[in-house]
PDB file of N, CA and C in Angstrom:
ATOM      1  N   MET A   1     -43.659  19.099  -8.892  1.00  0.00           N
ATOM      2  CA  MET A   1     -43.356  18.450 -10.219  1.00  0.00           C
ATOM      3  C   MET A   1     -44.209  17.961 -11.008  1.00  0.00           C
ATOM      4  N   VAL A   2     -43.878  18.083 -12.264  1.00  0.00           N
ATOM      5  CA  VAL A   2     -44.959  18.374 -13.435  1.00  0.00           C
ATOM      6  C   VAL A   2     -45.360  16.682 -13.848  1.00  0.00           C
ATOM      7  N   ALA A   3     -46.717  16.435 -13.738  1.00  0.00           N
ATOM      8  CA  ALA A   3     -47.302  15.095 -14.237  1.00  0.00           C
ATOM      9  C   ALA A   3     -47.665  15.127 -15.579  1.00  0.00           C
ATOM     10  N   LEU A   4     -47.561  13.899 -16.293  1.00  0.00           N
ATOM     11  CA  LEU A   4     -47.577  13.559 -17.737  1.00  0.00           C
ATOM     12  C   LEU A   4     -49.063  13.399 -17.563  1.00  0.00           C
ATOM     13  N   ASP A   5     -49.607  13.315 -19.122  1.00  0.00           N
ATOM     14  CA  ASP A   5     -51.268  13.079 -19.066  1.00  0.00           C
ATOM     15  C   ASP A   5     -51.399  11.516 -18.659  1.00  0.00           C
ATOM     16  N   TRP A   6     -52.350  11.286 -17.856  1.00  0.00           N
ATOM     17  CA  TRP A   6     -52.954  10.071 -17.252  1.00  0.00           C
ATOM     18  C   TRP A   6     -53.312   9.334 -18.336  1.00  0.00           C
ATOM     19  N   ARG A   7     -53.923   9.601 -19.664  1.00  0.00           N
ATOM     20  CA  ARG A   7     -54.759   8.959 -20.718  1.00  0.00           C
ATOM     21  C   ARG A   7     -53.546   8.040 -21.294  1.00  0.00           C
ATOM     22  N   ILE A   8     -52.281   8.530 -21.317  1.00  0.00           N
ATOM     23  CA  ILE A   8     -51.464   8.092 -22.121  1.00  0.00           C
ATOM     24  C   ILE A   8     -50.876   6.931 -21.196  1.00  0.00           C
ATOM     25  N   GLU A   9     -50.519   7.268 -20.206  1.00  0.00           N
ATOM     26  CA  GLU A   9     -50.157   6.023 -19.190  1.00  0.00           C
ATOM     27  C   GLU A   9     -50.576   4.759 -19.157  1.00  0.00           C
ATOM     28  N   ARG A  10     -52.255   4.929 -19.088  1.00  0.00           N
ATOM     29  CA  ARG A  10     -52.912   3.763 -18.829  1.00  0.00           C
ATOM     30  C   ARG A  10     -52.840   2.686 -19.883  1.00  0.00           C
ATOM     31  N   SER A  11     -52.309   2.923 -21.431  1.00  0.00           N
ATOM     32  CA  SER A  11     -52.459   1.952 -22.256  1.00  0.00           C
ATOM     33  C   SER A  11     -50.832   1.129 -22.187  1.00  0.00           C
ATOM     34  N   TRP A  12     -50.189   1.616 -21.316  1.00  0.00           N
ATOM     35  CA  TRP A  12     -48.800   0.791 -21.532  1.00  0.00           C
ATOM     36  C   TRP A  12     -48.660  -0.141 -20.639  1.00  0.00           C
ATOM     37  N   ARG A  13     -48.137  -1.387 -21.106  1.00  0.00           N
ATOM     38  CA  ARG A  13     -47.926  -2.524 -20.023  1.00  0.00           C
ATOM     39  C   ARG A  13     -46.458  -3.222 -20.817  1.00  0.00           C
ATOM     40  N   SER A  14     -46.036  -4.065 -20.051  1.00  0.00           N
ATOM     41  CA  SER A  14     -44.704  -4.893 -20.371  1.00  0.00           C
ATOM     42  C   SER A  14     -45.206  -5.906 -21.470  1.00  0.00           C
ATOM     43  N   TRP A  15     -44.338  -6.596 -22.339  1.00  0.00           N
ATOM     44  CA  TRP A  15     -44.442  -7.717 -23.051  1.00  0.00           C
ATOM     45  C   TRP A  15     -43.226  -8.172 -23.384  1.00  0.00           C
ATOM     46  N   ASN A  16     -43.342  -9.353 -23.492  1.00  0.00           N
ATOM     47  CA  ASN A  16     -42.270 -10.241 -24.367  1.00  0.00           C
ATOM     48  C   ASN A  16     -42.313 -10.605 -25.487  1.00  0.00           C
ATOM     49  N   ASN A  17     -41.022 -10.945 -26.504  1.00  0.00           N
ATOM     50  CA  ASN A  17     -41.335 -11.541 -27.860  1.00  0.00           C
ATOM     51  C   ASN A  17     -39.860 -12.065 -28.152  1.00  0.00           C
ATOM     52  N   ALA A  18     -39.917 -12.341 -29.151  1.00  0.00           N
ATOM     53  CA  ALA A  18     -38.745 -12.922 -29.829  1.00  0.00           C
ATOM     54  C   ALA A  18     -37.204 -12.282 -29.642  1.00  0.00           C
ATOM     55  N   GLU A  19     -37.491 -10.766 -29.578  1.00  0.00           N
ATOM     56  CA  GLU A  19     -36.338  -9.723 -29.671  1.00  0.00           C
ATOM     57  C   GLU A  19     -36.212  -9.177 -28.511  1.00  0.00           C
ATOM     58  N   THR A  20     -36.869  -9.640 -27.413  1.00  0.00           N
ATOM     59  CA  THR A  20     -36.595  -9.318 -25.963  1.00  0.00           C
ATOM     60  C   THR A  20     -35.251  -9.641 -25.406  1.00  0.00           C
ATOM     61  N   ARG A  21     -34.432  -8.733 -24.867  1.00  0.00           N
ATOM     62  CA  ARG A  21     -32.940  -9.172 -24.399  1.00  0.00           C
ATOM     63  C   ARG A  21     -33.058  -8.219 -23.176  1.00  0.00           C
ATOM     64  N   HIS A  22     -31.989  -8.811 -22.389  1.00  0.00           N
ATOM     65  CA  HIS A  22     -31.540  -8.674 -21.071  1.00  0.00           C
ATOM     66  C   HIS A  22     -31.025  -7.016 -20.955  1.00  0.00           C
ATOM     67  N   CYS A  23     -31.114  -6.336 -20.189  1.00  0.00           N
ATOM     68  CA  CYS A  23     -30.411  -4.811 -20.066  1.00  0.00           C
ATOM     69  C   CYS A  23     -30.580  -4.388 -18.488  1.00  0.00           C
ATOM     70  N   SER A  24     -30.114  -3.227 -18.397  1.00  0.00           N
ATOM     71  CA  SER A  24     -30.111  -2.450 -17.090  1.00  0.00           C
ATOM     72  C   SER A  24     -30.630  -1.468 -16.865  1.00  0.00           C
ATOM     73  N   LEU A  25     -31.253  -0.986 -15.981  1.00  0.00           N
ATOM     74  CA  LEU A  25     -31.832   0.349 -15.925  1.00  0.00           C
ATOM     75  C   LEU A  25     -30.979   0.946 -14.439  1.00  0.00           C
ATOM     76  N   ARG A  26     -30.685   2.208 -14.570  1.00  0.00           N
ATOM     77  CA  ARG A  26     -30.059   2.862 -13.233  1.00  0.00           C
ATOM     78  C   ARG A  26     -30.948   3.965 -13.221  1.00  0.00           C
ATOM     79  N   VAL A  27     -31.388   4.135 -12.096  1.00  0.00           N
ATOM     80  CA  VAL A  27     -32.320   5.535 -11.721  1.00  0.00           C
ATOM     81  C   VAL A  27     -31.667   6.523 -10.737  1.00  0.00           C
ATOM     82  N   VAL A  28     -31.597   7.517 -11.119  1.00  0.00           N
ATOM     83  CA  VAL A  28     -30.676   8.435 -10.029  1.00  0.00           C
ATOM     84  C   VAL A  28     -31.760   9.654  -9.760  1.00  0.00           C
ATOM     85  N   ASN A  29     -32.013   9.813  -8.569  1.00  0.00           N
ATOM     86  CA  ASN A  29     -32.804  10.786  -7.984  1.00  0.00           C
ATOM     87  C   ASN A  29     -32.113  12.357  -7.191  1.00  0.00           C
ATOM     88  N   ARG A  30     -31.960  13.034  -8.176  1.00  0.00           N
ATOM     89  CA  ARG A  30     -31.416  14.634  -7.892  1.00  0.00           C
ATOM     90  C   ARG A  30     -32.459  15.343  -7.433  1.00  0.00           C
ATOM     91  N   SER A  31     -33.534  15.019  -7.096  1.00  0.00           N
ATOM     92  CA  SER A  31     -34.800  15.993  -6.772  1.00  0.00           C
ATOM     93  C   SER A  31     -34.725  15.988  -5.392  1.00  0.00           C
ATOM     94  N   GLU A  32     -35.542  16.825  -5.099  1.00  0.00           N
ATOM     95  CA  GLU A  32     -35.883  17.093  -3.569  1.00  0.00           C
ATOM     96  C   GLU A  32     -36.779  15.999  -3.021  1.00  0.00           C
ATOM     97  N   ALA A  33     -37.619  15.303  -3.798  1.00  0.00           N
ATOM     98  CA  ALA A  33     -38.724  14.364  -3.316  1.00  0.00           C
ATOM     99  C   ALA A  33     -38.371  13.188  -3.435  1.00  0.00           C
ATOM    100  N   ALA A  34     -39.014  11.955  -2.515  1.00  0.00           N
ATOM    101  CA  ALA A  34     -38.725  10.619  -2.725  1.00  0.00           C
ATOM    102  C   ALA A  34     -39.673  10.595  -4.192  1.00  0.00           C
ATOM    103  N   ILE A  35     -39.178   9.211  -4.730  1.00  0.00           N
ATOM    104  CA  ILE A  35     -39.620   8.770  -5.971  1.00  0.00           C
ATOM    105  C   ILE A  35     -39.924   7.229  -5.995  1.00  0.00           C
ATOM    106  N   ASP A  36     -41.232   6.675  -6.521  1.00  0.00           N
ATOM    107  CA  ASP A  36     -41.384   5.574  -6.564  1.00  0.00           C
ATOM    108  C   ASP A  36     -40.765   4.904  -7.890  1.00  0.00           C
ATOM    109  N   VAL A  37     -40.063   3.724  -8.130  1.00  0.00           N
ATOM    110  CA  VAL A  37     -39.648   3.206  -9.185  1.00  0.00           C
ATOM    111  C   VAL A  37     -40.562   1.839  -9.333  1.00  0.00           C
ATOM    112  N   LEU A  38     -41.379   1.804 -10.432  1.00  0.00           N
ATOM    113  CA  LEU A  38     -42.292   0.951 -10.840  1.00  0.00           C
ATOM    114  C   LEU A  38     -42.309   0.263 -11.868  1.00  0.00           C
ATOM    115  N   TRP A  39     -42.280  -0.926 -11.786  1.00  0.00           N
ATOM    116  CA  TRP A  39     -42.511  -1.780 -13.116  1.00  0.00           C
ATOM    117  C   TRP A  39     -44.143  -1.763 -13.400  1.00  0.00           C
ATOM    118  N   VAL A  40     -44.392  -1.870 -14.654  1.00  0.00           N
ATOM    119  CA  VAL A  40     -45.674  -2.140 -15.377  1.00  0.00           C
ATOM    120  C   VAL A  40     -45.718  -3.301 -15.495  1.00  0.00           C
ATOM    121  N   THR A  41     -46.574  -4.410 -15.101  1.00  0.00           N
ATOM    122  CA  THR A  41     -46.843  -5.613 -15.382  1.00  0.00           C
ATOM    123  C   THR A  41     -47.424  -6.042 -16.632  1.00  0.00           C
ATOM    124  N   TRP A  42     -47.761  -7.229 -16.984  1.00  0.00           N
ATOM    125  CA  TRP A  42     -48.340  -7.665 -18.120  1.00  0.00           C
ATOM    126  C   TRP A  42     -49.619  -7.433 -18.140  1.00  0.00           C
ATOM    127  N   GLU A  43     -50.207  -6.848 -17.129  1.00  0.00           N
ATOM    128  CA  GLU A  43     -51.568  -6.545 -17.325  1.00  0.00           C
ATOM    129  C   GLU A  43     -51.970  -4.703 -16.940  1.00  0.00           C
ATOM    130  N   GLY A  44     -50.639  -4.221 -16.913  1.00  0.00           N
ATOM    131  CA  GLY A  44     -50.644  -2.630 -16.746  1.00  0.00           C
ATOM    132  C   GLY A  44     -50.855  -2.231 -15.462  1.00  0.00           C
ATOM    133  N   GLU A  45     -50.534  -3.217 -14.346  1.00  0.00           N
ATOM    134  CA  GLU A  45     -50.400  -2.868 -13.114  1.00  0.00           C
ATOM    135  C   GLU A  45     -49.208  -2.442 -12.673  1.00  0.00           C
ATOM    136  N   GLU A  46     -48.925  -1.412 -11.763  1.00  0.00           N
ATOM    137  CA  GLU A  46     -47.653  -0.872 -11.508  1.00  0.00           C
ATOM    138  C   GLU A  46     -47.283  -1.807 -10.145  1.00  0.00           C
ATOM    139  N   ALA A  47     -45.988  -2.222 -10.176  1.00  0.00           N
ATOM    140  CA  ALA A  47     -45.448  -2.982  -9.129  1.00  0.00           C
ATOM    141  C   ALA A  47     -44.206  -2.183  -8.427  1.00  0.00           C
ATOM    142  N   ARG A  48     -44.223  -1.900  -7.271  1.00  0.00           N
ATOM    143  CA  ARG A  48     -43.165  -1.053  -6.714  1.00  0.00           C
ATOM    144  C   ARG A  48     -41.954  -1.856  -6.528  1.00  0.00           C
ATOM    145  N   TYR A  49     -40.802  -1.322  -7.058  1.00  0.00           N
ATOM    146  CA  TYR A  49     -39.573  -1.981  -6.795  1.00  0.00           C
ATOM    147  C   TYR A  49     -38.541  -1.171  -5.814  1.00  0.00           C
ATOM    148  N   ALA A  50     -38.907   0.051  -5.980  1.00  0.00           N
ATOM    149  CA  ALA A  50     -37.864   0.782  -5.039  1.00  0.00           C
ATOM    150  C   ALA A  50     -38.612   1.979  -4.649  1.00  0.00           C
ATOM    151  N   VAL A  51     -38.201   2.438  -3.773  1.00  0.00           N
ATOM    152  CA  VAL A  51     -38.560   4.095  -3.169  1.00  0.00           C
ATOM    153  C   VAL A  51     -37.245   4.674  -3.040  1.00  0.00           C
ATOM    154  N   LEU A  52     -36.900   5.743  -4.003  1.00  0.00           N
ATOM    155  CA  LEU A  52     -35.888   6.408  -4.129  1.00  0.00           C
ATOM    156  C   LEU A  52     -35.621   7.945  -3.113  1.00  0.00           C
ATOM    157  N   GLN A  53     -34.981   7.987  -1.872  1.00  0.00           N
ATOM    158  CA  GLN A  53     -34.961   9.178  -1.407  1.00  0.00           C
ATOM    159  C   GLN A  53     -34.100  10.192  -2.357  1.00  0.00           C
ATOM    160  N   PRO A  54     -34.244  11.495  -1.988  1.00  0.00           N
ATOM    161  CA  PRO A  54     -33.429  12.613  -2.753  1.00  0.00           C
ATOM    162  C   PRO A  54     -31.614  12.268  -2.765  1.00  0.00           C
ATOM    163  N   ASP A  55     -31.025  12.388  -3.791  1.00  0.00           N
ATOM    164  CA  ASP A  55     -29.728  11.970  -3.837  1.00  0.00           C
ATOM    165  C   ASP A  55     -29.445  10.722  -3.579  1.00  0.00           C
ATOM    166  N   THR A  56     -30.309   9.645  -4.191  1.00  0.00           N
ATOM    167  CA  THR A  56     -29.924   8.375  -4.132  1.00  0.00           C
ATOM    168  C   THR A  56     -30.025   7.784  -5.427  1.00  0.00           C
ATOM    169  N   ALA A  57     -29.371   6.442  -5.803  1.00  0.00           N
ATOM    170  CA  ALA A  57     -29.736   5.793  -7.121  1.00  0.00           C
ATOM    171  C   ALA A  57     -29.762   4.400  -6.926  1.00  0.00           C
ATOM    172  N   TYR A  58     -30.457   3.634  -7.916  1.00  0.00           N
ATOM    173  CA  TYR A  58     -31.206   2.555  -7.833  1.00  0.00           C
ATOM    174  C   TYR A  58     -30.938   1.696  -9.093  1.00  0.00           C
ATOM    175  N   ASN A  59     -30.104   0.501  -9.117  1.00  0.00           N
ATOM    176  CA  ASN A  59     -29.779  -0.355 -10.154  1.00  0.00           C
ATOM    177  C   ASN A  59     -30.976  -1.356 -10.311  1.00  0.00           C
ATOM    178  N   GLN A  60     -31.335  -1.801 -11.686  1.00  0.00           N
ATOM    179  CA  GLN A  60     -32.311  -2.872 -11.481  1.00  0.00           C
ATOM    180  C   GLN A  60     -32.284  -3.412 -12.910  1.00  0.00           C
ATOM    181  N   PRO A  61     -31.953  -4.879 -13.063  1.00  0.00           N
ATOM    182  CA  PRO A  61     -31.799  -5.729 -14.105  1.00  0.00           C
ATOM    183  C   PRO A  61     -33.331  -5.643 -14.676  1.00  0.00           C
ATOM    184  N   THR A  62     -33.327  -5.564 -16.026  1.00  0.00           N
ATOM    185  CA  THR A  62     -34.773  -5.299 -16.653  1.00  0.00           C
ATOM    186  C   THR A  62     -34.595  -6.250 -17.867  1.00  0.00           C
ATOM    187  N   TYR A  63     -35.502  -6.058 -19.009  1.00  0.00           N
ATOM    188  CA  TYR A  63     -35.532  -6.327 -20.262  1.00  0.00           C
ATOM    189  C   TYR A  63     -35.997  -5.546 -21.026  1.00  0.00           C
ATOM    190  N   SER A  64     -35.626  -5.678 -22.398  1.00  0.00           N
ATOM    191  CA  SER A  64     -35.789  -4.352 -23.429  1.00  0.00           C
ATOM    192  C   SER A  64     -37.398  -4.064 -23.842  1.00  0.00           C
ATOM    193  N   THR A  65     -38.305  -5.073 -23.139  1.00  0.00           N
ATOM    194  CA  THR A  65     -39.740  -4.886 -23.665  1.00  0.00           C
ATOM    195  C   THR A  65     -40.538  -4.349 -22.182  1.00  0.00           C
ATOM    196  N   HIS A  66     -39.668  -4.242 -21.324  1.00  0.00           N
ATOM    197  CA  HIS A  66     -40.452  -3.933 -19.900  1.00  0.00           C
ATOM    198  C   HIS A  66     -40.507  -2.442 -19.945  1.00  0.00           C
ATOM    199  N   VAL A  67     -41.809  -2.041 -19.264  1.00  0.00           N
ATOM    200  CA  VAL A  67     -42.165  -0.521 -18.973  1.00  0.00           C
ATOM    201  C   VAL A  67     -42.123  -0.238 -17.761  1.00  0.00           C
ATOM    202  N   TRP A  68     -41.314   1.028 -17.348  1.00  0.00           N
ATOM    203  CA  TRP A  68     -41.118   1.345 -16.033  1.00  0.00           C
ATOM    204  C   TRP A  68     -41.723   2.671 -15.964  1.00  0.00           C
ATOM    205  N   ARG A  69     -42.201   3.011 -14.561  1.00  0.00           N
ATOM    206  CA  ARG A  69     -42.681   4.368 -14.215  1.00  0.00           C
ATOM    207  C   ARG A  69     -41.981   4.872 -13.023  1.00  0.00           C
ATOM    208  N   LEU A  70     -41.899   6.244 -13.290  1.00  0.00           N
ATOM    209  CA  LEU A  70     -41.100   6.592 -12.101  1.00  0.00           C
ATOM    210  C   LEU A  70     -42.128   7.927 -11.389  1.00  0.00           C
ATOM    211  N   ARG A  71     -42.773   7.835 -10.321  1.00  0.00           N
ATOM    212  CA  ARG A  71     -43.643   8.628  -9.648  1.00  0.00           C
ATOM    213  C   ARG A  71     -43.372   9.646  -8.484  1.00  0.00           C
ATOM    214  N   ASP A  72     -43.789  10.503  -8.262  1.00  0.00           N
ATOM    215  CA  ASP A  72     -43.609  11.446  -6.956  1.00  0.00           C
ATOM    216  C   ASP A  72     -44.458  10.363  -5.969  1.00  0.00           C
ATOM    217  N   TYR A  73     -43.435  10.081  -5.003  1.00  0.00           N
ATOM    218  CA  TYR A  73     -43.952   9.110  -3.938  1.00  0.00           C
ATOM    219  C   TYR A  73     -45.127   9.754  -2.991  1.00  0.00           C
ATOM    220  N   HIS A  74     -45.082  11.285  -3.180  1.00  0.00           N
ATOM    221  CA  HIS A  74     -46.191  11.667  -2.366  1.00  0.00           C
ATOM    222  C   HIS A  74     -47.456  12.273  -2.940  1.00  0.00           C
ATOM    223  N   SER A  75     -47.091  12.684  -4.247  1.00  0.00           N
ATOM    224  CA  SER A  75     -48.597  13.321  -4.886  1.00  0.00           C
ATOM    225  C   SER A  75     -48.815  12.167  -6.016  1.00  0.00           C
ATOM    226  N   ARG A  76     -48.090  11.230  -6.257  1.00  0.00           N
ATOM    227  CA  ARG A  76     -48.124  10.167  -7.322  1.00  0.00           C
ATOM    228  C   ARG A  76     -48.260  10.496  -8.669  1.00  0.00           C
ATOM    229  N   ALA A  77     -47.656  11.851  -8.904  1.00  0.00           N
ATOM    230  CA  ALA A  77     -47.462  12.550 -10.179  1.00  0.00           C
ATOM    231  C   ALA A  77     -46.797  11.559 -11.093  1.00  0.00           C
ATOM    232  N   LEU A  78     -46.936  11.279 -12.190  1.00  0.00           N
ATOM    233  CA  LEU A  78     -46.206  10.603 -13.042  1.00  0.00           C
ATOM    234  C   LEU A  78     -45.219  11.503 -13.718  1.00  0.00           C
ATOM    235  N   LEU A  79     -43.505  10.850 -13.370  1.00  0.00           N
ATOM    236  CA  LEU A  79     -42.628  11.918 -13.902  1.00  0.00           C
ATOM    237  C   LEU A  79     -41.959  11.306 -15.197  1.00  0.00           C
ATOM    238  N   MET A  80     -42.096  10.077 -15.087  1.00  0.00           N
ATOM    239  CA  MET A  80     -41.658   9.540 -16.633  1.00  0.00           C
ATOM    240  C   MET A  80     -41.834   8.251 -16.855  1.00  0.00           C
ATOM    241  N   GLU A  81     -42.332   7.690 -17.956  1.00  0.00           N
ATOM    242  CA  GLU A  81     -42.643   6.564 -18.334  1.00  0.00           C
ATOM    243  C   GLU A  81     -41.497   6.129 -19.506  1.00  0.00           C
ATOM    244  N   HIS A  82     -40.849   5.084 -19.445  1.00  0.00           N
ATOM    245  CA  HIS A  82     -39.883   4.584 -20.118  1.00  0.00           C
ATOM    246  C   HIS A  82     -39.965   3.096 -20.666  1.00  0.00           C
ATOM    247  N   VAL A  83     -39.786   2.602 -21.784  1.00  0.00           N
ATOM    248  CA  VAL A  83     -39.501   1.255 -22.305  1.00  0.00           C
ATOM    249  C   VAL A  83     -38.169   0.958 -22.086  1.00  0.00           C
ATOM    250  N   ALA A  84     -37.906   0.077 -21.636  1.00  0.00           N
ATOM    251  CA  ALA A  84     -36.444  -0.274 -21.413  1.00  0.00           C
ATOM    252  C   ALA A  84     -35.524  -0.655 -22.719  1.00  0.00           C
ATOM    253  N   GLY A  85     -36.282  -1.232 -23.615  1.00  0.00           N
ATOM    254  CA  GLY A  85     -35.438  -1.126 -25.113  1.00  0.00           C
ATOM    255  C   GLY A  85     -35.923   0.187 -26.154  1.00  0.00           C
ATOM    256  N   ASP A  86     -36.188   1.306 -25.432  1.00  0.00           N
ATOM    257  CA  ASP A  86     -36.400   2.539 -26.192  1.00  0.00           C
ATOM    258  C   ASP A  86     -35.217   2.999 -26.678  1.00  0.00           C
ATOM    259  N   MET A  87     -33.763   2.648 -25.924  1.00  0.00           N
ATOM    260  CA  MET A  87     -32.315   2.996 -26.271  1.00  0.00           C
ATOM    261  C   MET A  87     -31.592   1.694 -26.305  1.00  0.00           C
ATOM    262  N   ALA A  88     -30.398   1.861 -27.151  1.00  0.00           N
ATOM    263  CA  ALA A  88     -29.687   0.865 -27.074  1.00  0.00           C
ATOM    264  C   ALA A  88     -28.944   1.030 -26.113  1.00  0.00           C
ATOM    265  N   GLY A  89     -28.787  -0.463 -25.410  1.00  0.00           N
ATOM    266  CA  GLY A  89     -27.918  -0.733 -24.402  1.00  0.00           C
ATOM    267  C   GLY A  89     -28.701  -0.456 -23.215  1.00  0.00           C
ATOM    268  N   ASP A  90     -27.786  -0.508 -21.863  1.00  0.00           N
ATOM    269  CA  ASP A  90     -28.212  -0.092 -20.778  1.00  0.00           C
ATOM    270  C   ASP A  90     -28.563   1.509 -20.502  1.00  0.00           C
ATOM    271  N   THR A  91     -29.509   2.009 -19.739  1.00  0.00           N
ATOM    272  CA  THR A  91     -30.206   3.265 -19.577  1.00  0.00           C
ATOM    273  C   THR A  91     -29.867   3.757 -18.230  1.00  0.00           C
ATOM    274  N   THR A  92     -29.779   5.081 -18.087  1.00  0.00           N
ATOM    275  CA  THR A  92     -29.746   5.769 -16.497  1.00  0.00           C
ATOM    276  C   THR A  92     -30.685   6.572 -17.022  1.00  0.00           C
ATOM    277  N   LEU A  93     -31.764   6.690 -16.105  1.00  0.00           N
ATOM    278  CA  LEU A  93     -33.058   7.896 -15.893  1.00  0.00           C
ATOM    279  C   LEU A  93     -32.387   8.822 -14.768  1.00  0.00           C
ATOM    280  N   VAL A  94     -32.476  10.024 -14.991  1.00  0.00           N
ATOM    281  CA  VAL A  94     -32.057  11.002 -13.659  1.00  0.00           C
ATOM    282  C   VAL A  94     -33.272  11.887 -13.530  1.00  0.00           C
ATOM    283  N   ILE A  95     -33.502  12.091 -12.554  1.00  0.00           N
ATOM    284  CA  ILE A  95     -34.741  12.790 -12.338  1.00  0.00           C
ATOM    285  C   ILE A  95     -34.127  14.224 -11.586  1.00  0.00           C
ATOM    286  N   GLU A  96     -34.093  15.160 -12.137  1.00  0.00           N
ATOM    287  CA  GLU A  96     -33.480  16.579 -11.519  1.00  0.00           C
ATOM    288  C   GLU A  96     -34.282  17.319 -10.511  1.00  0.00           C
ATOM    289  N   PRO A  97     -33.956  18.492 -10.123  1.00  0.00           N
ATOM    290  CA  PRO A  97     -35.095  19.144  -9.058  1.00  0.00           C
ATOM    291  C   PRO A  97     -35.897  19.849 -10.087  1.00  0.00           C
ATOM    292  N   CYS A  98     -37.087  20.082  -9.790  1.00  0.00           N
ATOM    293  CA  CYS A  98     -38.437  20.630 -10.474  1.00  0.00           C
ATOM    294  C   CYS A  98     -39.088  19.722 -11.276  1.00  0.00           C
ATOM    295  N   GLY A  99     -38.862  18.174 -11.082  1.00  0.00           N
ATOM    296  CA  GLY A  99     -39.238  17.584 -11.937  1.00  0.00           C
ATOM    297  C   GLY A  99     -38.515  17.150 -13.489  1.00  0.00           C
ATOM    298  N   GLN A 100     -37.580  18.095 -13.836  1.00  0.00           N
ATOM    299  CA  GLN A 100     -36.951  17.912 -15.022  1.00  0.00           C
ATOM    300  C   GLN A 100     -36.374  16.602 -15.060  1.00  0.00           C
ATOM    301  N   TRP A 101     -35.958  15.918 -16.138  1.00  0.00           N
ATOM    302  CA  TRP A 101     -35.474  14.509 -16.243  1.00  0.00           C
ATOM    303  C   TRP A 101     -34.835  14.443 -17.707  1.00  0.00           C
ATOM    304  N   LYS A 102     -33.714  13.571 -17.779  1.00  0.00           N
ATOM    305  CA  LYS A 102     -33.136  13.204 -18.699  1.00  0.00           C
ATOM    306  C   LYS A 102     -32.797  11.729 -18.775  1.00  0.00           C
ATOM    307  N   ARG A 103     -32.388  11.182 -20.024  1.00  0.00           N
ATOM    308  CA  ARG A 103     -32.080   9.902 -20.310  1.00  0.00           C
ATOM    309  C   ARG A 103     -30.802   9.900 -20.847  1.00  0.00           C
ATOM    310  N   CYS A 104     -29.833   8.793 -20.271  1.00  0.00           N
ATOM    311  CA  CYS A 104     -28.549   8.703 -20.721  1.00  0.00           C
ATOM    312  C   CYS A 104     -28.576   7.035 -21.163  1.00  0.00           C
ATOM    313  N   TRP A 105     -27.731   6.648 -21.990  1.00  0.00           N
ATOM    314  CA  TRP A 105     -27.640   5.290 -22.127  1.00  0.00           C
ATOM    315  C   TRP A 105     -26.312   4.996 -22.712  1.00  0.00           C
ATOM    316  N   ARG A 106     -25.751   3.536 -22.961  1.00  0.00           N
ATOM    317  CA  ARG A 106     -24.601   3.225 -23.504  1.00  0.00           C
ATOM    318  C   ARG A 106     -24.879   1.981 -24.045  1.00  0.00           C
ATOM    319  N   ASP A 107     -24.305   1.707 -25.205  1.00  0.00           N
ATOM    320  CA  ASP A 107     -24.628   0.398 -25.673  1.00  0.00           C
ATOM    321  C   ASP A 107     -24.040  -0.955 -24.810  1.00  0.00           C
ATOM    322  N   SER A 108     -24.791  -1.946 -24.961  1.00  0.00           N
ATOM    323  CA  SER A 108     -24.411  -3.066 -24.197  1.00  0.00           C
ATOM    324  C   SER A 108     -23.243  -4.049 -24.640  1.00  0.00           C
TER     325      SER A 108
END
C-alpha cells in the first residue's frame, strides 16, 4: 500500500469550535490487508477505534472537526487522513485493493 508523506500527518489534530456538528463516518475495507481506524486526539496522538479485516466495514459517530487516519495494520503506512467536516454530511471512506481509496458522502 502507498504511504502518505509523514511530514504532513504530524501537523493534524482534532479540534472543537462553535461550528462543530455531529456527523458519522463509515470506513469500508475492500483491500486485502487489515486497516487501523485511528482518531487523532487534541494533542495530535492516534487513538485506535477499530481494526478492520478485509471485506468488512465500520461505522463511527464523530464530529465535523475530528481528524481520522487509516493505516495499514502491519506496515503502519498512512493510507488516508480525513477531517470529518471536509465534506457536507455523513462520509464513507472506501479503501480499495492496492491502497487506492475514495470518499463518498451524503448531506445529513
